[in-house]
């Protein structure tokens, strides 16, 4: 399952989540949102995995990436229907 690390005030995070919704992906089924705001366990996890405070951040198994456009392209490729 995809994990998307985000904060509520991040416009780039909102763009990723909106695109996931537009693709018909379901939170809890296709992806998990992780709150990575300061002082949260999600922030610590983000720093351990990615090494930066930057959001959005996506993990999917061994795949890890920053940058909203790269994340959206990854989701489109992964969930593309033939």
PDB file of N, CA and C in Angstrom:
ATOM      1  N   UNK A   1       0.849  -1.176   0.000  1.00  0.00           N
ATOM      2  CA  UNK A   1       0.000   0.000   0.000  1.00  0.00           C
ATOM      3  C   UNK A   1       0.895   1.239   0.000  1.00  0.00           C
ATOM      4  N   UNK A   2       0.500   2.207  -0.778  1.00  0.00           N
ATOM      5  CA  UNK A   2       1.207   3.477  -0.804  1.00  0.00           C
ATOM      6  C   UNK A   2       1.042   4.179   0.533  1.00  0.00           C
ATOM      7  N   UNK A   3       2.090   4.862   0.969  1.00  0.00           N
ATOM      8  CA  UNK A   3       2.011   5.756   2.118  1.00  0.00           C
ATOM      9  C   UNK A   3       2.359   7.135   1.609  1.00  0.00           C
ATOM     10  N   UNK A   4       1.503   8.091   1.887  1.00  0.00           N
ATOM     11  CA  UNK A   4       1.732   9.471   1.493  1.00  0.00           C
ATOM     12  C   UNK A   4       1.872  10.294   2.765  1.00  0.00           C
ATOM     13  N   UNK A   5       3.067  10.804   2.973  1.00  0.00           N
ATOM     14  CA  UNK A   5       3.349  11.670   4.114  1.00  0.00           C
ATOM     15  C   UNK A   5       2.987  13.088   3.715  1.00  0.00           C
ATOM     16  N   UNK A   6       2.198  13.760   4.562  1.00  0.00           N
ATOM     17  CA  UNK A   6       1.688  15.078   4.201  1.00  0.00           C
ATOM     18  C   UNK A   6       1.414  15.903   5.443  1.00  0.00           C
ATOM     19  N   UNK A   7       1.203  17.185   5.213  1.00  0.00           N
ATOM     20  CA  UNK A   7       0.719  18.072   6.269  1.00  0.00           C
ATOM     21  C   UNK A   7      -0.537  18.757   5.743  1.00  0.00           C
ATOM     22  N   UNK A   8      -1.386  19.155   6.648  1.00  0.00           N
ATOM     23  CA  UNK A   8      -2.679  19.732   6.263  1.00  0.00           C
ATOM     24  C   UNK A   8      -2.544  21.055   5.517  1.00  0.00           C
ATOM     25  N   UNK A   9      -1.472  21.796   5.758  1.00  0.00           N
ATOM     26  CA  UNK A   9      -1.333  23.115   5.145  1.00  0.00           C
ATOM     27  C   UNK A   9      -0.498  23.120   3.862  1.00  0.00           C
ATOM     28  N   UNK A  10      -0.062  21.982   3.409  1.00  0.00           N
ATOM     29  CA  UNK A  10       0.818  21.891   2.238  1.00  0.00           C
ATOM     30  C   UNK A  10       0.002  21.810   0.948  1.00  0.00           C
ATOM     31  N   UNK A  11       0.085  22.831   0.073  1.00  0.00           N
ATOM     32  CA  UNK A  11      -0.691  22.802  -1.171  1.00  0.00           C
ATOM     33  C   UNK A  11      -0.248  21.689  -2.120  1.00  0.00           C
ATOM     34  N   UNK A  12       1.018  21.318  -2.083  1.00  0.00           N
ATOM     35  CA  UNK A  12       1.498  20.248  -2.949  1.00  0.00           C
ATOM     36  C   UNK A  12       0.981  18.890  -2.469  1.00  0.00           C
ATOM     37  N   UNK A  13       0.840  18.751  -1.159  1.00  0.00           N
ATOM     38  CA  UNK A  13       0.244  17.534  -0.596  1.00  0.00           C
ATOM     39  C   UNK A  13      -1.217  17.431  -1.021  1.00  0.00           C
ATOM     40  N   UNK A  14      -1.925  18.563  -0.932  1.00  0.00           N
ATOM     41  CA  UNK A  14      -3.336  18.583  -1.335  1.00  0.00           C
ATOM     42  C   UNK A  14      -3.482  18.188  -2.801  1.00  0.00           C
ATOM     43  N   UNK A  15      -2.557  18.630  -3.640  1.00  0.00           N
ATOM     44  CA  UNK A  15      -2.594  18.294  -5.056  1.00  0.00           C
ATOM     45  C   UNK A  15      -2.453  16.780  -5.257  1.00  0.00           C
ATOM     46  N   UNK A  16      -1.550  16.142  -4.519  1.00  0.00           N
ATOM     47  CA  UNK A  16      -1.350  14.693  -4.621  1.00  0.00           C
ATOM     48  C   UNK A  16      -2.603  13.951  -4.161  1.00  0.00           C
ATOM     49  N   UNK A  17      -3.155  14.350  -3.032  1.00  0.00           N
ATOM     50  CA  UNK A  17      -4.348  13.682  -2.492  1.00  0.00           C
ATOM     51  C   UNK A  17      -5.541  13.878  -3.426  1.00  0.00           C
ATOM     52  N   UNK A  18      -5.688  15.080  -3.964  1.00  0.00           N
ATOM     53  CA  UNK A  18      -6.782  15.345  -4.911  1.00  0.00           C
ATOM     54  C   UNK A  18      -6.648  14.468  -6.152  1.00  0.00           C
ATOM     55  N   UNK A  19      -5.426  14.328  -6.654  1.00  0.00           N
ATOM     56  CA  UNK A  19      -5.215  13.489  -7.836  1.00  0.00           C
ATOM     57  C   UNK A  19      -5.518  12.023  -7.522  1.00  0.00           C
ATOM     58  N   UNK A  20      -5.122  11.552  -6.347  1.00  0.00           N
ATOM     59  CA  UNK A  20      -5.443  10.179  -5.947  1.00  0.00           C
ATOM     60  C   UNK A  20      -6.957   9.991  -5.931  1.00  0.00           C
ATOM     61  N   UNK A  21      -7.661  10.958  -5.378  1.00  0.00           N
ATOM     62  CA  UNK A  21      -9.131  10.912  -5.344  1.00  0.00           C
ATOM     63  C   UNK A  21      -9.699  10.913  -6.768  1.00  0.00           C
ATOM     64  N   UNK A  22      -9.180  11.778  -7.633  1.00  0.00           N
ATOM     65  CA  UNK A  22      -9.665  11.852  -9.015  1.00  0.00           C
ATOM     66  C   UNK A  22      -9.412  10.558  -9.779  1.00  0.00           C
ATOM     67  N   UNK A  23      -8.373   9.834  -9.387  1.00  0.00           N
ATOM     68  CA  UNK A  23      -8.068   8.551 -10.025  1.00  0.00           C
ATOM     69  C   UNK A  23      -8.963   7.431  -9.489  1.00  0.00           C
ATOM     70  N   UNK A  24      -9.758   7.728  -8.483  1.00  0.00           N
ATOM     71  CA  UNK A  24     -10.640   6.728  -7.898  1.00  0.00           C
ATOM     72  C   UNK A  24      -9.976   5.900  -6.817  1.00  0.00           C
ATOM     73  N   UNK A  25      -8.802   6.317  -6.363  1.00  0.00           N
ATOM     74  CA  UNK A  25      -8.123   5.592  -5.299  1.00  0.00           C
ATOM     75  C   UNK A  25      -8.803   5.878  -3.970  1.00  0.00           C
ATOM     76  N   UNK A  26      -8.808   4.891  -3.120  1.00  0.00           N
ATOM     77  CA  UNK A  26      -9.489   4.992  -1.829  1.00  0.00           C
ATOM     78  C   UNK A  26      -8.478   5.000  -0.692  1.00  0.00           C
ATOM     79  N   UNK A  27      -8.606   6.016   0.180  1.00  0.00           N
ATOM     80  CA  UNK A  27      -7.755   6.063   1.361  1.00  0.00           C
ATOM     81  C   UNK A  27      -8.071   4.857   2.242  1.00  0.00           C
ATOM     82  N   UNK A  28      -7.047   4.209   2.734  1.00  0.00           N
ATOM     83  CA  UNK A  28      -7.218   3.024   3.566  1.00  0.00           C
ATOM     84  C   UNK A  28      -7.234   1.745   2.765  1.00  0.00           C
ATOM     85  N   UNK A  29      -7.545   1.834   1.497  1.00  0.00           N
ATOM     86  CA  UNK A  29      -7.567   0.661   0.620  1.00  0.00           C
ATOM     87  C   UNK A  29      -6.378   0.694  -0.340  1.00  0.00           C
ATOM     88  N   UNK A  30      -6.184   1.819  -1.019  1.00  0.00           N
ATOM     89  CA  UNK A  30      -5.108   1.957  -1.995  1.00  0.00           C
ATOM     90  C   UNK A  30      -3.912   2.736  -1.448  1.00  0.00           C
ATOM     91  N   UNK A  31      -4.169   3.626  -0.518  1.00  0.00           N
ATOM     92  CA  UNK A  31      -3.098   4.429   0.058  1.00  0.00           C
ATOM     93  C   UNK A  31      -3.437   4.805   1.493  1.00  0.00           C
ATOM     94  N   UNK A  32      -2.401   5.151   2.215  1.00  0.00           N
ATOM     95  CA  UNK A  32      -2.550   5.588   3.604  1.00  0.00           C
ATOM     96  C   UNK A  32      -1.952   6.984   3.704  1.00  0.00           C
ATOM     97  N   UNK A  33      -2.678   7.906   4.303  1.00  0.00           N
ATOM     98  CA  UNK A  33      -2.159   9.244   4.562  1.00  0.00           C
ATOM     99  C   UNK A  33      -1.487   9.254   5.930  1.00  0.00           C
ATOM    100  N   UNK A  34      -0.281   9.780   5.978  1.00  0.00           N
ATOM    101  CA  UNK A  34       0.467   9.875   7.220  1.00  0.00           C
ATOM    102  C   UNK A  34       0.648  11.359   7.540  1.00  0.00           C
ATOM    103  N   UNK A  35       0.174  11.779   8.696  1.00  0.00           N
ATOM    104  CA  UNK A  35       0.362  13.154   9.135  1.00  0.00           C
ATOM    105  C   UNK A  35       1.825  13.341   9.529  1.00  0.00           C
ATOM    106  N   UNK A  36       2.530  14.209   8.805  1.00  0.00           N
ATOM    107  CA  UNK A  36       3.946  14.443   9.064  1.00  0.00           C
ATOM    108  C   UNK A  36       4.185  15.849   9.607  1.00  0.00           C
ATOM    109  N   UNK A  37       3.210  16.396  10.312  1.00  0.00           N
ATOM    110  CA  UNK A  37       3.378  17.708  10.936  1.00  0.00           C
ATOM    111  C   UNK A  37       4.418  17.615  12.055  1.00  0.00           C
ATOM    112  N   UNK A  38       4.996  18.754  12.393  1.00  0.00           N
ATOM    113  CA  UNK A  38       5.988  18.783  13.475  1.00  0.00           C
ATOM    114  C   UNK A  38       5.434  18.142  14.738  1.00  0.00           C
ATOM    115  N   UNK A  39       6.284  17.364  15.376  1.00  0.00           N
ATOM    116  CA  UNK A  39       5.918  16.760  16.652  1.00  0.00           C
ATOM    117  C   UNK A  39       5.085  15.496  16.542  1.00  0.00           C
ATOM    118  N   UNK A  40       4.833  15.013  15.334  1.00  0.00           N
ATOM    119  CA  UNK A  40       4.038  13.799  15.171  1.00  0.00           C
ATOM    120  C   UNK A  40       4.953  12.594  14.923  1.00  0.00           C
ATOM    121  N   UNK A  41       4.460  11.399  15.221  1.00  0.00           N
ATOM    122  CA  UNK A  41       5.233  10.205  14.875  1.00  0.00           C
ATOM    123  C   UNK A  41       5.501  10.119  13.370  1.00  0.00           C
ATOM    124  N   UNK A  42       4.572  10.634  12.563  1.00  0.00           N
ATOM    125  CA  UNK A  42       4.755  10.625  11.112  1.00  0.00           C
ATOM    126  C   UNK A  42       5.966  11.434  10.681  1.00  0.00           C
ATOM    127  N   UNK A  43       6.233  12.541  11.384  1.00  0.00           N
ATOM    128  CA  UNK A  43       7.414  13.365  11.062  1.00  0.00           C
ATOM    129  C   UNK A  43       8.687  12.575  11.343  1.00  0.00           C
ATOM    130  N   UNK A  44       8.715  11.877  12.468  1.00  0.00           N
ATOM    131  CA  UNK A  44       9.896  11.066  12.808  1.00  0.00           C
ATOM    132  C   UNK A  44      10.104   9.959  11.773  1.00  0.00           C
ATOM    133  N   UNK A  45       9.017   9.325  11.368  1.00  0.00           N
ATOM    134  CA  UNK A  45       9.095   8.269  10.358  1.00  0.00           C
ATOM    135  C   UNK A  45       9.598   8.829   9.033  1.00  0.00           C
ATOM    136  N   UNK A  46       9.083   9.992   8.645  1.00  0.00           N
ATOM    137  CA  UNK A  46       9.511  10.674   7.419  1.00  0.00           C
ATOM    138  C   UNK A  46      11.015  10.928   7.449  1.00  0.00           C
ATOM    139  N   UNK A  47      11.514  11.440   8.559  1.00  0.00           N
ATOM    140  CA  UNK A  47      12.938  11.723   8.679  1.00  0.00           C
ATOM    141  C   UNK A  47      13.783  10.457   8.652  1.00  0.00           C
ATOM    142  N   UNK A  48      13.304   9.387   9.276  1.00  0.00           N
ATOM    143  CA  UNK A  48      14.046   8.123   9.283  1.00  0.00           C
ATOM    144  C   UNK A  48      14.135   7.523   7.891  1.00  0.00           C
ATOM    145  N   UNK A  49      13.042   7.560   7.148  1.00  0.00           N
ATOM    146  CA  UNK A  49      13.008   6.926   5.833  1.00  0.00           C
ATOM    147  C   UNK A  49      13.642   7.809   4.768  1.00  0.00           C
ATOM    148  N   UNK A  50      13.222   9.075   4.728  1.00  0.00           N
ATOM    149  CA  UNK A  50      13.645   9.949   3.642  1.00  0.00           C
ATOM    150  C   UNK A  50      14.791  10.880   3.967  1.00  0.00           C
ATOM    151  N   UNK A  51      14.968  11.182   5.243  1.00  0.00           N
ATOM    152  CA  UNK A  51      16.067  12.033   5.647  1.00  0.00           C
ATOM    153  C   UNK A  51      15.815  13.530   5.505  1.00  0.00           C
ATOM    154  N   UNK A  52      14.636  13.920   5.035  1.00  0.00           N
ATOM    155  CA  UNK A  52      14.308  15.334   4.875  1.00  0.00           C
ATOM    156  C   UNK A  52      12.939  15.616   5.480  1.00  0.00           C
ATOM    157  N   UNK A  53      12.699  16.892   5.794  1.00  0.00           N
ATOM    158  CA  UNK A  53      11.394  17.318   6.308  1.00  0.00           C
ATOM    159  C   UNK A  53      10.390  17.566   5.191  1.00  0.00           C
ATOM    160  N   UNK A  54      10.778  17.406   3.974  1.00  0.00           N
ATOM    161  CA  UNK A  54       9.958  17.784   2.818  1.00  0.00           C
ATOM    162  C   UNK A  54       8.751  16.865   2.643  1.00  0.00           C
ATOM    163  N   UNK A  55       7.600  17.471   2.384  1.00  0.00           N
ATOM    164  CA  UNK A  55       6.385  16.748   2.026  1.00  0.00           C
ATOM    165  C   UNK A  55       5.831  17.370   0.750  1.00  0.00           C
ATOM    166  N   UNK A  56       5.094  16.643  -0.049  1.00  0.00           N
ATOM    167  CA  UNK A  56       4.696  15.257   0.143  1.00  0.00           C
ATOM    168  C   UNK A  56       5.868  14.308  -0.072  1.00  0.00           C
ATOM    169  N   UNK A  57       5.736  13.156   0.535  1.00  0.00           N
ATOM    170  CA  UNK A  57       6.722  12.085   0.419  1.00  0.00           C
ATOM    171  C   UNK A  57       5.942  10.792   0.280  1.00  0.00           C
ATOM    172  N   UNK A  58       6.320   9.967  -0.678  1.00  0.00           N
ATOM    173  CA  UNK A  58       5.609   8.716  -0.939  1.00  0.00           C
ATOM    174  C   UNK A  58       6.538   7.540  -0.716  1.00  0.00           C
ATOM    175  N   UNK A  59       6.004   6.494  -0.105  1.00  0.00           N
ATOM    176  CA  UNK A  59       6.703   5.216  -0.058  1.00  0.00           C
ATOM    177  C   UNK A  59       5.758   4.144  -0.586  1.00  0.00           C
ATOM    178  N   UNK A  60       6.360   3.179  -1.267  1.00  0.00           N
ATOM    179  CA  UNK A  60       5.623   2.035  -1.797  1.00  0.00           C
ATOM    180  C   UNK A  60       6.622   0.888  -1.868  1.00  0.00           C
ATOM    181  N   UNK A  61       6.671   0.104  -0.811  1.00  0.00           N
ATOM    182  CA  UNK A  61       7.689  -0.942  -0.749  1.00  0.00           C
ATOM    183  C   UNK A  61       9.067  -0.303  -0.705  1.00  0.00           C
ATOM    184  N   UNK A  62       9.912  -0.642  -1.672  1.00  0.00           N
ATOM    185  CA  UNK A  62      11.268  -0.106  -1.735  1.00  0.00           C
ATOM    186  C   UNK A  62      11.327   1.263  -2.412  1.00  0.00           C
ATOM    187  N   UNK A  63      10.231   1.697  -3.009  1.00  0.00           N
ATOM    188  CA  UNK A  63      10.184   2.993  -3.701  1.00  0.00           C
ATOM    189  C   UNK A  63       9.913   4.099  -2.692  1.00  0.00           C
ATOM    190  N   UNK A  64      10.692   5.176  -2.792  1.00  0.00           N
ATOM    191  CA  UNK A  64      10.491   6.346  -1.938  1.00  0.00           C
ATOM    192  C   UNK A  64      10.795   7.580  -2.780  1.00  0.00           C
ATOM    193  N   UNK A  65       9.912   8.582  -2.702  1.00  0.00           N
ATOM    194  CA  UNK A  65      10.143   9.781  -3.510  1.00  0.00           C
ATOM    195  C   UNK A  65       9.475  11.007  -2.923  1.00  0.00           C
ATOM    196  N   UNK A  66      10.096  12.135  -3.238  1.00  0.00           N
ATOM    197  CA  UNK A  66       9.554  13.450  -2.949  1.00  0.00           C
ATOM    198  C   UNK A  66       9.028  14.015  -4.274  1.00  0.00           C
ATOM    199  N   UNK A  67       8.545  15.228  -4.240  1.00  0.00           N
ATOM    200  CA  UNK A  67       8.081  15.983  -5.408  1.00  0.00           C
ATOM    201  C   UNK A  67       6.698  15.522  -5.865  1.00  0.00           C
ATOM    202  N   UNK A  68       5.754  16.414  -5.733  1.00  0.00           N
ATOM    203  CA  UNK A  68       4.352  16.097  -6.019  1.00  0.00           C
ATOM    204  C   UNK A  68       4.146  15.589  -7.442  1.00  0.00           C
ATOM    205  N   UNK A  69       4.770  16.190  -8.416  1.00  0.00           N
ATOM    206  CA  UNK A  69       4.572  15.745  -9.810  1.00  0.00           C
ATOM    207  C   UNK A  69       5.132  14.352 -10.045  1.00  0.00           C
ATOM    208  N   UNK A  70       6.251  14.038  -9.428  1.00  0.00           N
ATOM    209  CA  UNK A  70       6.814  12.691  -9.539  1.00  0.00           C
ATOM    210  C   UNK A  70       5.893  11.675  -8.867  1.00  0.00           C
ATOM    211  N   UNK A  71       5.339  12.046  -7.731  1.00  0.00           N
ATOM    212  CA  UNK A  71       4.418  11.154  -7.018  1.00  0.00           C
ATOM    213  C   UNK A  71       3.174  10.902  -7.853  1.00  0.00           C
ATOM    214  N   UNK A  72       2.617  11.952  -8.432  1.00  0.00           N
ATOM    215  CA  UNK A  72       1.424  11.801  -9.270  1.00  0.00           C
ATOM    216  C   UNK A  72       1.729  10.922 -10.479  1.00  0.00           C
ATOM    217  N   UNK A  73       2.860  11.125 -11.122  1.00  0.00           N
ATOM    218  CA  UNK A  73       3.243  10.294 -12.268  1.00  0.00           C
ATOM    219  C   UNK A  73       3.389   8.833 -11.843  1.00  0.00           C
ATOM    220  N   UNK A  74       3.967   8.597 -10.687  1.00  0.00           N
ATOM    221  CA  UNK A  74       4.127   7.243 -10.167  1.00  0.00           C
ATOM    222  C   UNK A  74       2.767   6.590  -9.940  1.00  0.00           C
ATOM    223  N   UNK A  75       1.852   7.320  -9.308  1.00  0.00           N
ATOM    224  CA  UNK A  75       0.516   6.768  -9.054  1.00  0.00           C
ATOM    225  C   UNK A  75      -0.205   6.473 -10.359  1.00  0.00           C
ATOM    226  N   UNK A  76      -0.122   7.382 -11.318  1.00  0.00           N
ATOM    227  CA  UNK A  76      -0.777   7.150 -12.609  1.00  0.00           C
ATOM    228  C   UNK A  76      -0.239   5.910 -13.281  1.00  0.00           C
ATOM    229  N   UNK A  77       1.065   5.715 -13.219  1.00  0.00           N
ATOM    230  CA  UNK A  77       1.680   4.541 -13.831  1.00  0.00           C
ATOM    231  C   UNK A  77       1.291   3.264 -13.091  1.00  0.00           C
ATOM    232  N   UNK A  78       1.328   3.310 -11.786  1.00  0.00           N
ATOM    233  CA  UNK A  78       1.006   2.124 -10.981  1.00  0.00           C
ATOM    234  C   UNK A  78      -0.443   1.694 -11.125  1.00  0.00           C
ATOM    235  N   UNK A  79      -1.346   2.646 -11.186  1.00  0.00           N
ATOM    236  CA  UNK A  79      -2.773   2.334 -11.197  1.00  0.00           C
ATOM    237  C   UNK A  79      -3.413   2.517 -12.580  1.00  0.00           C
ATOM    238  N   UNK A  80      -2.589   2.600 -13.622  1.00  0.00           N
ATOM    239  CA  UNK A  80      -3.111   2.745 -14.983  1.00  0.00           C
ATOM    240  C   UNK A  80      -3.936   1.517 -15.353  1.00  0.00           C
ATOM    241  N   UNK A  81      -5.053   1.771 -16.004  1.00  0.00           N
ATOM    242  CA  UNK A  81      -5.881   0.677 -16.485  1.00  0.00           C
ATOM    243  C   UNK A  81      -5.634   0.506 -17.972  1.00  0.00           C
ATOM    244  N   UNK A  82      -5.597  -0.717 -18.381  1.00  0.00           N
ATOM    245  CA  UNK A  82      -5.317  -1.027 -19.794  1.00  0.00           C
ATOM    246  C   UNK A  82      -6.573  -0.917 -20.617  1.00  0.00           C
TER     247      UNK A  82
END
